[in-house]
Amino acid sequence: MPNTENEGMKCHMCGKDAEEFCRDCWQPVCEDCCVPFTFQNQIDFALCLNCNDGIQAQRAEHYSQQEKAAQRKNDMRCKKNAASRARYRSPENKAKRRAKREALLQSRRESSRKLLESIGGILSNMGIK
């Protein structure tokens, strides 16, 4: 860690007298060339504007990569949904679903008919017509 007691330190950015060292690059930096404390960046250390620009560029690149990944994922989901929709709406699959529905209705009708026949048999055995 550099010695902060060194008199005559010059800012590596503007050449003025420097009071502190940048946390990232350890170069002397004056108060004018430090990133100011604001509501958005609540830092309590000295950080030169060059290092801050690098950090902001890294954040922007990371955000860009996340957005691209999300876009690829969304594109894949849309493509998958379109293929699924096309399969669902195909005439062959419509006919299969219609046949399956008819078979289900036919089996329900058959079971209802058998149930009514058995109820009729029970009622006739009890003497109720």
Protein backbone atom coordinates (compact mmCIF):
# COMPACT_ATOMS: atom_id res chain seq x y z
CA MET A 1 0.00 0.00 0.00
CA PRO A 2 1.47 3.37 -0.93
CA ASN A 3 2.52 5.84 1.71
CA THR A 4 -0.12 8.55 2.19
CA GLU A 5 2.29 10.79 4.13
CA ASN A 6 4.31 11.46 0.98
CA GLU A 7 4.26 15.21 0.30
CA GLY A 8 4.19 16.40 -3.29
CA MET A 9 2.00 13.61 -4.67
CA LYS A 10 0.49 14.59 -7.98
CA CYS A 11 -2.83 13.30 -9.31
CA HIS A 12 -2.27 10.82 -12.11
CA MET A 13 -5.19 12.31 -14.06
CA CYS A 14 -4.93 16.09 -13.79
CA GLY A 15 -1.57 16.76 -12.12
CA LYS A 16 -2.96 18.61 -9.07
CA ASP A 17 -1.86 17.80 -5.54
CA ALA A 18 -3.33 14.45 -4.56
CA GLU A 19 -4.61 13.55 -1.13
CA GLU A 20 -5.66 9.95 -1.58
CA PHE A 21 -5.01 6.81 -3.60
CA CYS A 22 -7.51 5.13 -5.90
CA ARG A 23 -8.79 1.89 -4.41
CA ASP A 24 -8.47 -0.05 -7.68
CA CYS A 25 -5.34 1.25 -9.41
CA TRP A 26 -3.46 2.61 -6.33
CA GLN A 27 -2.51 5.77 -8.18
CA PRO A 28 -2.60 9.14 -6.38
CA VAL A 29 -5.80 11.00 -7.11
CA CYS A 30 -7.09 14.45 -6.15
CA GLU A 31 -10.57 15.15 -4.84
CA ASP A 32 -11.71 16.60 -8.18
CA CYS A 33 -10.82 13.38 -10.03
CA CYS A 34 -12.54 11.08 -7.51
CA VAL A 35 -16.01 9.74 -8.06
CA PRO A 36 -18.34 11.88 -5.93
CA PHE A 37 -20.56 10.31 -3.29
CA THR A 38 -24.13 10.31 -4.60
CA PHE A 39 -27.39 8.54 -3.90
CA GLN A 40 -26.76 6.08 -6.77
CA ASN A 41 -23.15 5.22 -5.87
CA GLN A 42 -22.73 5.32 -2.14
CA ILE A 43 -19.02 4.61 -1.94
CA ASP A 44 -16.90 5.58 1.04
CA PHE A 45 -13.51 5.17 -0.62
CA ALA A 46 -11.44 7.01 -3.21
CA LEU A 47 -12.07 5.81 -6.75
CA CYS A 48 -10.69 7.64 -9.76
CA LEU A 49 -12.91 8.46 -12.72
CA ASN A 50 -10.95 6.12 -15.03
CA CYS A 51 -11.51 3.11 -12.78
CA ASN A 52 -15.16 4.08 -12.36
CA ASP A 53 -15.57 4.23 -16.15
CA GLY A 54 -14.09 0.72 -16.37
CA ILE A 55 -16.47 -0.55 -13.71
CA GLN A 56 -19.43 1.03 -15.50
CA ALA A 57 -18.32 -0.54 -18.79
CA GLN A 58 -18.11 -3.97 -17.12
CA ARG A 59 -21.59 -3.52 -15.67
CA ALA A 60 -22.97 -2.48 -19.04
CA GLU A 61 -21.36 -5.51 -20.72
CA HIS A 62 -22.73 -7.83 -18.05
CA TYR A 63 -26.22 -6.32 -18.44
CA SER A 64 -25.95 -6.65 -22.22
CA GLN A 65 -25.02 -10.32 -21.92
CA GLN A 66 -27.94 -10.94 -19.59
CA GLU A 67 -30.32 -9.23 -22.01
CA LYS A 68 -28.98 -11.28 -24.93
CA ALA A 69 -29.39 -14.51 -22.94
CA ALA A 70 -32.95 -13.55 -22.00
CA GLN A 71 -33.71 -12.72 -25.64
CA ARG A 72 -32.31 -16.08 -26.82
CA LYS A 73 -34.40 -17.86 -24.19
CA ASN A 74 -37.51 -15.95 -25.26
CA ASP A 75 -36.83 -16.73 -28.94
CA MET A 76 -36.46 -20.43 -28.15
CA ARG A 77 -39.68 -20.40 -26.14
CA CYS A 78 -41.55 -18.66 -28.98
CA LYS A 79 -40.17 -21.15 -31.50
CA LYS A 80 -41.18 -24.08 -29.28
CA ASN A 81 -44.66 -22.61 -28.75
CA ALA A 82 -45.12 -22.09 -32.50
CA ALA A 83 -44.14 -25.70 -33.22
CA SER A 84 -46.47 -26.95 -30.50
CA ARG A 85 -49.31 -24.80 -31.84
CA ALA A 86 -48.72 -26.13 -35.35
CA ARG A 87 -48.82 -29.73 -34.10
CA TYR A 88 -51.98 -29.06 -32.12
CA ARG A 89 -53.77 -27.49 -35.09
CA SER A 90 -52.76 -30.13 -37.63
CA PRO A 91 -55.68 -32.01 -39.26
CA GLU A 92 -54.33 -35.42 -38.17
CA ASN A 93 -54.19 -34.41 -34.51
CA LYS A 94 -57.62 -32.78 -34.71
CA ALA A 95 -59.02 -36.05 -36.05
CA LYS A 96 -57.27 -38.02 -33.29
CA ARG A 97 -58.69 -35.75 -30.60
CA ARG A 98 -62.16 -35.91 -32.13
CA ALA A 99 -62.01 -39.74 -32.29
CA LYS A 100 -60.79 -39.93 -28.70
CA ARG A 101 -63.60 -37.62 -27.55
CA GLU A 102 -66.17 -39.71 -29.42
CA ALA A 103 -64.79 -42.91 -27.87
CA LEU A 104 -64.99 -41.33 -24.41
CA LEU A 105 -68.58 -40.19 -24.98
CA GLN A 106 -69.50 -43.63 -26.33
CA SER A 107 -68.03 -45.33 -23.27
CA ARG A 108 -69.92 -42.93 -20.98
CA ARG A 109 -73.16 -43.64 -22.86
CA GLU A 110 -72.52 -47.37 -22.58
CA SER A 111 -71.82 -47.20 -18.85
CA SER A 112 -74.91 -45.01 -18.31
CA ARG A 113 -77.05 -47.51 -20.28
CA LYS A 114 -75.70 -50.43 -18.22
CA LEU A 115 -76.34 -48.50 -15.01
CA LEU A 116 -79.94 -47.77 -16.04
CA GLU A 117 -80.45 -51.43 -16.95
CA SER A 118 -79.14 -52.55 -13.58
CA ILE A 119 -81.31 -49.97 -11.78
CA GLY A 120 -84.32 -51.18 -13.83
CA GLY A 121 -83.55 -54.77 -12.82
CA ILE A 122 -83.31 -53.83 -9.15
CA LEU A 123 -86.55 -51.87 -9.29
CA SER A 124 -88.36 -54.72 -11.09
CA ASN A 125 -87.16 -57.15 -8.41
CA MET A 126 -88.62 -54.82 -5.77
CA GLY A 127 -91.92 -54.76 -7.62
CA ILE A 128 -91.65 -51.12 -8.69
CA LYS A 129 -92.31 -50.41 -12.35
